[in-house]
Amino acid sequence: MRTITFRHGEKSRTSSCAFAESISNVAIDQFQLLREKTEDRHNLRANAEQNLRTVLSAFIALDSRTNRLTCLTVANGTKTISDEDFDREMEKKSYERGKLRDLHAEVLARRALKRYLALEMRTLLAHGCEDENDSFLLERVGLEKGRVLFKMKAHKSIHLYVSSCPCGNATIRKWAKGGSRFEGFDDDDVNRELGPFTMPKQKHETPFLPLDVQRGSVAVAMKKATTTTTKNEEGDDNPSSATVKVLYENGTLAKGTLPVGENRVGRMCSCSDKIAAWNAVGVQGSLLATKLVEPIFIQSITIGRKFAYRHSARAFCCRVSKTFPSVNHPVLMQCERKFDLAPIDTDSVVVFDNPNSLIWSAGENEVIEVCNGKTGQREEEKMSSSRYCSSAFESLFFETFKTSHGGNIEDQMKEYAAMEDIQHYDAAKEKLWAKSFIPRFDEQTRRRRANAGKNYYNA
């Protein structure tokens, strides 16, 4: 009879530096505080009857003057809505879309960050509002072309934490060796003890020379719908066709994703692709870009499970550096602290099977939202829209920044679409998807264009 032994859901690892530990501590501590306020049925609490596993992501702000780390947003999740629901949502105008489509943790945390930034702008616009305590991430910088503009304070920066390696290109263990946890660090940073609030310096490989482009080393990958699949420790989904299974097995396709053009079985690009887009054009999105002097970029990414520096560098930034020479290269680090402490049989594979996603932003401290990852809607109020969905964000934005058309969102959208800032942002996104993420085959390129693929890449 076999003796059953147990381990934590995450294997032990060594941290890149003290700063990575500081980031992970802030993110995990905040989530642990919030999840205890959720209902038992969501299975998010530490003592939940079922150990339903998930992935955690958070955006953290660092104040270099005070060495203070503040959690701005937190979210967990590994699911997407069905292809059918996705298609129905994408047929609507953006301000009518009431469902969250992609409920992976990184995407939800970024949606919460956009809401946080919009709420902060609204507060700063209020008459007589002064940031005497230096508590805001942004500051007003006056008028340009009749518009109030903002920028991130010079002494503040934002940092991304993810408990497990983001799905897509970063999970493909090909075309490079993973590298050590100190990979790319300055020798001085490796050889000396950095403090908990000091981010190490890191040099990425530039110019980046991709290997095996035709086999997908820089290509975009699609997430599979979660109606028939569950994600496991490797970021895998159970493949639905023999063709995709072969691509998984020979390593030419990131497990849990699909080739470009396979639009009948996948709709959304992977988290690796979305992070690469954030590093190319900023994390703020197109509407907020019209209110910022310059884009907001992530300064570091800290990963727990399955971190590999060279694969992450390729996935998150370096593969788009030819098209975007000024792409942001965040410092990439591994943390030692484990997020998943639930026991598991040592011979078993971890499966991320919790369908529920907790979403929170610091701008609304008392509001904790739980959404169903398979429906894209709130669990607290059945069949109700999330405050982080597209329609809710655009309503908040246009209430804050009313144009000459007043409260008519459709007319305001048209007015914004004609703005030079929006056109530049959209052109940059189009350039990114058309030239940086090279499809594997001509047939996939043809399908992608025929399906107006740009709509599938909306974050």
Protein backbone atom coordinates (compact mmCIF):
# COMPACT_ATOMS: atom_id res chain seq x y z
CA MET A 1 0.00 0.00 0.00
CA ARG A 2 1.39 3.38 -1.03
CA THR A 3 2.20 5.81 1.76
CA ILE A 4 0.62 9.19 1.01
CA THR A 5 2.86 12.17 1.68
CA PHE A 6 1.89 15.81 1.39
CA ARG A 7 3.52 19.08 0.37
CA HIS A 8 2.39 22.67 -0.01
CA GLY A 9 0.64 23.67 -3.22
CA GLU A 10 3.81 25.60 -4.08
CA LYS A 11 7.29 24.15 -3.99
CA SER A 12 10.06 25.86 -2.04
CA ARG A 13 12.23 28.42 -3.85
CA THR A 14 14.74 31.16 -3.09
CA SER A 15 14.03 34.87 -3.40
CA SER A 16 15.85 37.10 -5.88
CA CYS A 17 16.18 39.87 -3.29
CA ALA A 18 14.60 41.46 -0.22
CA PHE A 19 12.57 43.84 -2.40
CA ALA A 20 10.78 40.91 -4.05
CA GLU A 21 9.83 39.64 -0.60
CA SER A 22 8.51 43.06 0.39
CA ILE A 23 6.30 43.15 -2.68
CA SER A 24 4.94 39.64 -2.14
CA ASN A 25 4.31 40.29 1.56
CA VAL A 26 2.19 43.37 0.86
CA ALA A 27 0.15 41.57 -1.81
CA ILE A 28 -0.46 38.33 0.09
CA ASP A 29 -1.16 40.07 3.41
CA GLN A 30 -3.76 42.31 1.77
CA PHE A 31 -5.50 39.37 0.10
CA GLN A 32 -5.53 37.38 3.33
CA LEU A 33 -7.17 40.31 5.09
CA LEU A 34 -9.81 40.74 2.41
CA ARG A 35 -10.70 37.10 1.81
CA GLU A 36 -11.79 36.61 5.42
CA LYS A 37 -14.58 39.11 4.74
CA THR A 38 -16.04 37.02 1.92
CA GLU A 39 -18.82 34.48 2.29
CA ASP A 40 -18.12 30.80 2.98
CA ARG A 41 -19.67 29.72 -0.33
CA HIS A 42 -16.92 31.49 -2.27
CA ASN A 43 -14.26 29.15 -0.83
CA LEU A 44 -11.73 31.96 -0.61
CA ARG A 45 -11.16 31.92 3.16
CA ALA A 46 -8.11 30.30 4.68
CA ASN A 47 -10.26 27.75 6.54
CA ALA A 48 -12.61 27.02 3.64
CA GLU A 49 -14.10 23.53 3.60
CA GLN A 50 -12.76 23.00 0.09
CA ASN A 51 -9.18 23.92 -0.79
CA LEU A 52 -10.04 25.41 -4.18
CA ARG A 53 -6.85 26.88 -5.54
CA THR A 54 -6.40 30.13 -7.43
CA VAL A 55 -3.80 32.65 -8.65
CA LEU A 56 -3.28 36.02 -6.98
CA SER A 57 -2.15 39.30 -8.54
CA ALA A 58 -1.71 42.80 -7.15
CA PHE A 59 -0.41 46.24 -8.04
CA ILE A 60 1.80 47.83 -5.38
CA ALA A 61 2.92 51.47 -5.13
CA LEU A 62 6.36 52.38 -3.76
CA ASP A 63 7.09 55.79 -2.25
CA SER A 64 10.87 56.20 -2.50
CA ARG A 65 10.85 59.13 -0.06
CA THR A 66 9.28 57.25 2.82
CA ASN A 67 10.09 53.65 1.78
CA ARG A 68 6.41 52.86 2.03
CA LEU A 69 4.72 50.13 0.00
CA THR A 70 0.96 50.44 -0.54
CA CYS A 71 -1.32 47.86 -2.09
CA LEU A 72 -3.40 49.59 -4.76
CA THR A 73 -5.35 46.63 -6.14
CA VAL A 74 -5.77 42.92 -5.50
CA ALA A 75 -7.48 40.22 -7.53
CA ASN A 76 -7.49 36.47 -7.94
CA GLY A 77 -8.73 34.25 -10.73
CA THR A 78 -7.90 31.79 -13.53
CA LYS A 79 -11.09 31.69 -15.63
CA THR A 80 -12.62 33.26 -18.73
CA ILE A 81 -16.23 33.42 -19.84
CA SER A 82 -17.47 31.09 -22.59
CA ASP A 83 -16.80 31.81 -26.25
CA GLU A 84 -20.52 32.35 -26.81
CA ASP A 85 -20.78 34.94 -24.02
CA PHE A 86 -17.61 36.59 -25.26
CA ASP A 87 -19.00 36.94 -28.79
CA ARG A 88 -22.25 38.41 -27.48
CA GLU A 89 -20.34 40.95 -25.38
CA MET A 90 -18.07 41.99 -28.25
CA GLU A 91 -21.09 42.65 -30.48
CA LYS A 92 -22.05 45.44 -28.07
CA LYS A 93 -20.62 48.93 -27.81
CA SER A 94 -17.82 49.06 -25.23
CA TYR A 95 -19.94 51.18 -22.88
CA GLU A 96 -22.67 48.50 -22.98
CA ARG A 97 -20.45 45.56 -22.00
CA GLY A 98 -21.51 44.54 -18.52
CA LYS A 99 -19.56 41.29 -18.17
CA LEU A 100 -15.93 40.74 -17.29
CA ARG A 101 -14.58 38.61 -20.12
CA ASP A 102 -11.11 37.65 -18.92
CA LEU A 103 -11.00 36.84 -15.20
CA HIS A 104 -7.34 35.91 -14.87
CA ALA A 105 -5.84 37.58 -11.82
CA GLU A 106 -3.42 39.90 -13.69
CA VAL A 107 -6.17 41.24 -15.95
CA LEU A 108 -8.57 41.85 -13.06
CA ALA A 109 -5.88 43.60 -11.02
CA ARG A 110 -5.19 45.88 -13.98
CA ARG A 111 -8.91 46.65 -14.40
CA ALA A 112 -9.00 47.59 -10.73
CA LEU A 113 -5.92 49.78 -11.23
CA LYS A 114 -7.62 51.69 -14.04
CA ARG A 115 -10.61 52.31 -11.78
CA TYR A 116 -8.29 53.39 -8.96
CA LEU A 117 -6.57 55.91 -11.25
CA ALA A 118 -9.89 57.27 -12.51
CA LEU A 119 -11.19 57.73 -8.96
CA GLU A 120 -7.97 59.46 -7.94
CA MET A 121 -8.28 61.84 -10.91
CA ARG A 122 -11.87 62.60 -9.92
CA THR A 123 -10.80 63.41 -6.36
CA LEU A 124 -7.95 65.64 -7.55
CA LEU A 125 -10.37 67.51 -9.79
CA ALA A 126 -12.59 68.37 -6.85
CA HIS A 127 -12.46 72.06 -5.99
CA GLY A 128 -9.89 72.83 -3.34
CA CYS A 129 -8.55 69.27 -3.11
CA GLU A 130 -4.96 69.33 -1.92
CA ASP A 131 -2.80 66.25 -1.40
CA GLU A 132 -1.24 67.48 1.83
CA ASN A 133 -0.38 63.97 3.05
CA ASP A 134 1.18 62.92 -0.28
CA SER A 135 -1.22 59.99 -0.35
CA PHE A 136 -2.03 60.10 -4.07
CA LEU A 137 -0.13 58.35 -6.83
CA LEU A 138 -0.91 61.15 -9.31
CA GLU A 139 -0.62 64.93 -9.30
CA ARG A 140 -2.24 67.65 -11.40
CA VAL A 141 0.09 69.45 -13.79
CA GLY A 142 -2.14 72.17 -15.23
CA LEU A 143 -3.92 72.62 -18.52
CA GLU A 144 -3.04 71.62 -22.06
CA LYS A 145 -5.37 72.32 -24.98
CA GLY A 146 -8.06 73.17 -22.45
CA ARG A 147 -7.69 69.87 -20.57
CA VAL A 148 -6.54 69.20 -17.03
CA LEU A 149 -3.64 66.72 -17.16
CA PHE A 150 -2.05 64.44 -14.58
CA LYS A 151 1.20 62.59 -14.16
CA MET A 152 2.58 60.06 -11.71
CA LYS A 153 4.68 61.62 -8.98
CA ALA A 154 8.41 61.28 -9.61
CA HIS A 155 9.05 59.61 -6.26
CA LYS A 156 6.35 56.98 -6.73
CA SER A 157 6.29 53.85 -8.88
CA ILE A 158 4.05 50.84 -9.43
CA HIS A 159 4.99 47.17 -9.24
CA LEU A 160 3.16 43.98 -10.25
CA TYR A 161 2.96 40.79 -8.19
CA VAL A 162 1.69 37.46 -9.57
CA SER A 163 1.65 34.29 -7.49
CA SER A 164 2.14 32.03 -10.53
CA CYS A 165 3.86 32.63 -13.86
CA PRO A 166 1.41 34.42 -16.21
CA CYS A 167 -0.07 32.16 -18.89
CA GLY A 168 1.15 32.27 -22.47
CA ASN A 169 4.66 32.88 -23.79
CA ALA A 170 6.29 33.07 -20.35
CA THR A 171 5.29 29.46 -19.65
CA ILE A 172 6.98 28.04 -22.75
CA ARG A 173 10.23 26.44 -21.61
CA LYS A 174 11.92 26.65 -25.01
CA TRP A 175 14.32 28.87 -26.94
CA ALA A 176 16.39 29.75 -23.85
CA LYS A 177 17.53 28.39 -20.51
CA GLY A 178 15.59 29.81 -17.60
CA GLY A 179 18.49 31.65 -15.95
CA SER A 180 19.22 32.18 -12.26
CA ARG A 181 17.13 34.29 -9.92
CA PHE A 182 19.89 36.95 -10.18
CA GLU A 183 19.89 36.94 -13.98
CA GLY A 184 20.53 40.38 -15.46
CA PHE A 185 21.26 42.00 -12.09
CA ASP A 186 24.20 44.37 -11.76
CA ASP A 187 27.16 42.65 -10.14
CA ASP A 188 27.03 45.17 -7.32
CA ASP A 189 23.42 44.25 -6.59
CA VAL A 190 24.20 40.52 -6.54
CA ASN A 191 27.24 40.86 -4.32
CA ARG A 192 25.76 43.14 -1.69
CA GLU A 193 22.72 42.94 0.55
CA LEU A 194 19.97 45.16 -0.87
CA GLY A 195 17.44 46.59 1.55
CA PRO A 196 13.74 45.64 1.52
CA PHE A 197 12.79 48.84 -0.33
CA THR A 198 15.64 48.93 -2.85
CA MET A 199 14.80 47.59 -6.29
CA PRO A 200 17.81 45.96 -8.00
CA LYS A 201 19.02 47.12 -11.38
CA GLN A 202 18.60 44.67 -14.22
CA LYS A 203 19.73 44.73 -17.84
CA HIS A 204 17.66 42.85 -20.42
CA GLU A 205 19.03 41.38 -23.63
CA THR A 206 18.92 44.16 -26.22
CA PRO A 207 18.79 43.96 -29.11
CA PHE A 208 16.67 40.86 -28.66
CA LEU A 209 17.32 38.17 -31.28
CA PRO A 210 14.41 35.70 -31.24
CA LEU A 211 14.92 32.05 -32.06
CA ASP A 212 12.55 29.93 -34.14
CA VAL A 213 10.09 32.71 -34.93
CA GLN A 214 8.00 30.55 -37.26
CA ARG A 215 7.41 28.08 -34.45
CA GLY A 216 5.99 30.76 -32.22
CA SER A 217 8.79 32.15 -30.06
CA VAL A 218 7.34 35.67 -30.22
CA ALA A 219 3.77 34.89 -31.32
CA VAL A 220 0.56 35.82 -29.57
CA ALA A 221 -1.38 32.95 -27.98
CA MET A 222 -5.06 32.64 -27.18
CA LYS A 223 -6.67 31.57 -23.93
CA LYS A 224 -9.11 28.73 -24.11
CA ALA A 225 -12.63 29.12 -22.79
CA THR A 226 -13.10 27.62 -19.33
CA THR A 227 -16.45 25.95 -19.95
CA THR A 228 -14.76 22.62 -20.67
CA THR A 229 -11.28 23.03 -19.18
CA THR A 230 -9.49 23.65 -15.91
CA LYS A 231 -6.02 25.06 -15.48
CA ASN A 232 -3.33 23.10 -13.69
CA GLU A 233 -0.01 23.89 -12.03
CA GLU A 234 1.87 24.14 -15.32
CA GLY A 235 -0.65 26.63 -16.68
CA ASP A 236 -2.12 23.77 -18.72
CA ASP A 237 -5.62 23.28 -20.04
CA ASN A 238 -6.77 19.88 -21.22
CA PRO A 239 -6.38 20.23 -25.01
CA SER A 240 -9.61 19.83 -26.97
CA SER A 241 -8.07 18.67 -30.27
CA ALA A 242 -5.30 16.36 -31.39
CA THR A 243 -3.63 19.20 -33.30
CA VAL A 244 -3.39 21.47 -30.28
CA LYS A 245 -2.26 18.52 -28.13
CA VAL A 246 0.69 17.92 -30.44
CA LEU A 247 1.62 21.61 -30.27
CA TYR A 248 1.58 21.38 -26.47
CA GLU A 249 3.66 18.22 -26.40
CA ASN A 250 6.41 19.44 -28.74
CA GLY A 251 6.64 22.76 -26.93
CA THR A 252 5.71 25.03 -29.84
CA LEU A 253 2.61 26.34 -28.07
CA ALA A 254 2.25 27.55 -24.48
CA LYS A 255 0.09 25.12 -22.57
CA GLY A 256 -3.32 26.53 -21.77
CA THR A 257 -3.33 28.77 -24.85
CA LEU A 258 -4.22 28.46 -28.52
CA PRO A 259 -2.65 29.48 -31.83
CA VAL A 260 -3.58 32.76 -33.47
CA GLY A 261 -6.57 32.26 -35.74
CA GLU A 262 -8.15 29.42 -33.75
CA ASN A 263 -11.03 31.75 -32.99
CA ARG A 264 -13.70 29.08 -32.67
CA VAL A 265 -12.08 27.68 -29.55
CA GLY A 266 -10.37 30.72 -28.04
CA ARG A 267 -11.00 34.44 -27.89
CA MET A 268 -8.64 36.27 -25.55
CA CYS A 269 -4.90 36.63 -25.81
CA SER A 270 -2.79 35.34 -22.94
CA CYS A 271 -1.65 37.29 -19.90
CA SER A 272 1.93 37.26 -21.22
CA ASP A 273 0.72 39.09 -24.33
CA LYS A 274 -1.29 41.60 -22.33
CA ILE A 275 1.66 42.37 -20.03
CA ALA A 276 3.81 42.90 -23.13
CA ALA A 277 1.22 45.37 -24.40
CA TRP A 278 1.26 47.23 -21.07
CA ASN A 279 5.04 47.53 -21.35
CA ALA A 280 4.71 48.88 -24.89
CA VAL A 281 1.94 51.47 -24.49
CA GLY A 282 1.40 51.75 -20.73
CA VAL A 283 -0.88 50.10 -18.22
CA GLN A 284 -3.44 52.94 -18.15
CA GLY A 285 -5.45 52.20 -21.32
CA SER A 286 -6.57 54.58 -24.06
CA LEU A 287 -9.10 56.77 -22.23
CA LEU A 288 -6.86 57.53 -19.25
CA ALA A 289 -3.99 58.17 -21.67
CA THR A 290 -5.84 61.33 -22.77
CA LYS A 291 -5.50 62.67 -19.22
CA LEU A 292 -1.86 61.77 -18.61
CA VAL A 293 1.28 63.63 -19.65
CA GLU A 294 2.98 60.29 -20.25
CA PRO A 295 2.07 56.58 -19.99
CA ILE A 296 2.34 54.71 -16.71
CA PHE A 297 4.69 51.73 -16.78
CA ILE A 298 5.26 48.85 -14.38
CA GLN A 299 8.71 49.11 -12.81
CA SER A 300 9.03 45.51 -11.60
CA ILE A 301 7.24 42.16 -11.79
CA THR A 302 7.54 39.69 -8.92
CA ILE A 303 6.48 36.09 -9.57
CA GLY A 304 6.11 33.15 -7.21
CA ARG A 305 5.49 29.72 -8.76
CA LYS A 306 7.25 28.75 -12.03
CA PHE A 307 9.38 31.87 -12.46
CA ALA A 308 12.11 31.73 -15.13
CA TYR A 309 13.89 35.00 -15.92
CA ARG A 310 14.77 34.52 -19.59
CA HIS A 311 11.34 33.21 -20.57
CA SER A 312 9.67 36.06 -18.65
CA ALA A 313 11.92 38.71 -20.22
CA ARG A 314 11.14 37.37 -23.69
CA ALA A 315 7.42 37.21 -22.99
CA PHE A 316 6.82 40.48 -21.15
CA CYS A 317 8.94 42.96 -23.13
CA CYS A 318 11.96 41.85 -25.16
CA ARG A 319 10.02 40.19 -28.00
CA VAL A 320 8.38 43.52 -28.92
CA SER A 321 11.57 45.59 -28.67
CA LYS A 322 12.17 45.56 -32.43
CA THR A 323 8.80 47.19 -33.12
CA PHE A 324 8.91 49.29 -29.93
CA PRO A 325 12.57 50.20 -29.24
CA SER A 326 11.44 52.24 -26.24
CA VAL A 327 9.50 49.33 -24.69
CA ASN A 328 9.59 49.32 -20.90
CA HIS A 329 11.80 46.57 -19.43
CA PRO A 330 10.62 45.93 -15.85
CA VAL A 331 12.89 44.32 -13.27
CA LEU A 332 11.90 40.63 -13.08
CA MET A 333 12.18 38.86 -9.73
CA GLN A 334 11.25 35.69 -7.89
CA CYS A 335 9.83 35.70 -4.36
CA GLU A 336 10.32 33.04 -1.72
CA ARG A 337 7.05 33.47 0.13
CA LYS A 338 4.38 30.98 -0.86
CA PHE A 339 0.82 32.06 -1.57
CA ASP A 340 -0.70 28.57 -1.73
CA LEU A 341 -0.12 26.79 1.58
CA ALA A 342 -2.88 24.19 1.29
CA PRO A 343 -1.51 20.62 1.42
CA ILE A 344 -1.50 18.34 -1.60
CA ASP A 345 -0.43 14.77 -2.28
CA THR A 346 3.17 14.90 -3.52
CA ASP A 347 2.21 12.78 -6.55
CA SER A 348 -0.71 14.99 -7.51
CA VAL A 349 -0.85 18.00 -9.84
CA VAL A 350 -2.10 21.34 -8.55
CA VAL A 351 -5.32 22.43 -10.25
CA PHE A 352 -6.55 26.01 -10.04
CA ASP A 353 -10.23 25.15 -9.67
CA ASN A 354 -11.82 28.04 -7.74
CA PRO A 355 -14.28 29.75 -10.12
CA ASN A 356 -14.64 32.82 -7.89
CA SER A 357 -12.59 36.00 -8.19
CA LEU A 358 -12.14 38.58 -5.44
CA ILE A 359 -11.46 42.10 -6.80
CA TRP A 360 -10.53 45.13 -4.69
CA SER A 361 -9.01 48.57 -5.15
CA ALA A 362 -7.68 50.97 -2.54
CA GLY A 363 -9.87 53.79 -3.80
CA GLU A 364 -12.89 51.99 -2.32
CA ASN A 365 -11.54 50.43 0.84
CA GLU A 366 -14.79 48.94 2.13
CA VAL A 367 -15.90 47.49 -1.20
CA ILE A 368 -14.93 43.87 -1.80
CA GLU A 369 -16.37 42.37 -4.95
CA VAL A 370 -16.59 38.67 -5.76
CA CYS A 371 -17.33 37.64 -9.35
CA ASN A 372 -18.01 34.26 -10.90
CA GLY A 373 -15.22 33.50 -13.35
CA LYS A 374 -17.52 31.54 -15.65
CA THR A 375 -20.27 34.18 -15.95
CA GLY A 376 -18.21 37.38 -15.58
CA GLN A 377 -20.76 38.81 -13.16
CA ARG A 378 -21.01 39.54 -9.45
CA GLU A 379 -21.69 36.78 -6.97
CA GLU A 380 -23.02 39.09 -4.22
CA GLU A 381 -25.92 40.16 -6.43
CA LYS A 382 -26.82 37.47 -8.93
CA MET A 383 -26.61 38.50 -12.59
CA SER A 384 -25.37 42.02 -11.82
CA SER A 385 -22.49 43.77 -13.54
CA SER A 386 -19.10 44.24 -11.93
CA ARG A 387 -17.93 47.76 -11.08
CA TYR A 388 -14.76 46.79 -12.99
CA CYS A 389 -16.46 45.94 -16.30
CA SER A 390 -16.08 48.11 -19.41
CA SER A 391 -19.45 49.85 -19.09
CA ALA A 392 -18.85 50.76 -15.43
CA PHE A 393 -15.37 52.12 -16.13
CA GLU A 394 -16.51 54.23 -19.07
CA SER A 395 -19.47 55.57 -17.08
CA LEU A 396 -17.06 56.62 -14.31
CA PHE A 397 -14.66 58.19 -16.79
CA PHE A 398 -17.28 60.21 -18.67
CA GLU A 399 -19.01 61.31 -15.48
CA THR A 400 -15.64 62.67 -14.33
CA PHE A 401 -14.59 64.21 -17.64
CA LYS A 402 -17.74 65.43 -19.33
CA THR A 403 -17.28 66.74 -22.85
CA SER A 404 -19.44 69.26 -24.67
CA HIS A 405 -21.98 66.47 -25.20
CA GLY A 406 -22.72 66.25 -21.50
CA GLY A 407 -24.11 62.95 -20.29
CA ASN A 408 -24.52 61.22 -23.66
CA ILE A 409 -21.83 58.54 -23.51
CA GLU A 410 -22.12 57.54 -27.16
CA ASP A 411 -21.51 61.10 -28.35
CA GLN A 412 -18.69 61.55 -25.85
CA MET A 413 -17.08 58.34 -27.12
CA LYS A 414 -17.17 59.68 -30.67
CA GLU A 415 -15.60 62.94 -29.53
CA TYR A 416 -12.82 61.11 -27.72
CA ALA A 417 -12.25 58.77 -30.67
CA ALA A 418 -11.37 61.80 -32.76
CA MET A 419 -8.73 62.98 -30.27
CA GLU A 420 -5.12 62.83 -31.36
CA ASP A 421 -4.07 61.03 -28.15
CA ILE A 422 -6.58 58.23 -28.74
CA GLN A 423 -5.58 57.87 -32.37
CA HIS A 424 -1.88 57.63 -31.44
CA TYR A 425 -2.66 55.05 -28.75
CA ASP A 426 -4.82 52.95 -31.09
CA ALA A 427 -2.16 53.16 -33.82
CA ALA A 428 0.46 51.92 -31.37
CA LYS A 429 -1.77 48.99 -30.32
CA GLU A 430 -2.43 48.12 -33.96
CA LYS A 431 1.30 48.21 -34.68
CA LEU A 432 1.90 45.97 -31.68
CA TRP A 433 -0.56 43.28 -32.72
CA ALA A 434 0.24 43.47 -36.43
CA LYS A 435 4.04 43.48 -36.32
CA SER A 436 5.40 42.50 -32.92
CA PHE A 437 3.50 39.28 -32.26
CA ILE A 438 4.32 37.38 -35.43
CA PRO A 439 1.74 34.69 -36.29
CA ARG A 440 3.11 31.25 -37.04
CA PHE A 441 1.54 30.65 -40.42
CA ASP A 442 0.06 32.65 -43.30
CA GLU A 443 -3.29 30.92 -42.81
CA GLN A 444 -3.46 32.18 -39.24
CA THR A 445 -2.67 35.71 -40.44
CA ARG A 446 -5.48 35.46 -42.99
CA ARG A 447 -7.98 34.24 -40.39
CA ARG A 448 -6.94 36.89 -37.93
CA ARG A 449 -7.55 39.70 -40.43
CA ALA A 450 -10.81 38.17 -41.63
CA ASN A 451 -12.09 38.05 -38.05
CA ALA A 452 -11.15 41.69 -37.34
CA GLY A 453 -8.78 40.34 -34.73
CA LYS A 454 -8.26 43.69 -33.03
CA ASN A 455 -11.55 43.21 -31.20
CA TYR A 456 -10.24 40.02 -29.60
CA TYR A 457 -7.34 41.79 -27.95
CA ASN A 458 -9.27 44.35 -25.93
CA ALA A 459 -8.12 44.17 -22.31
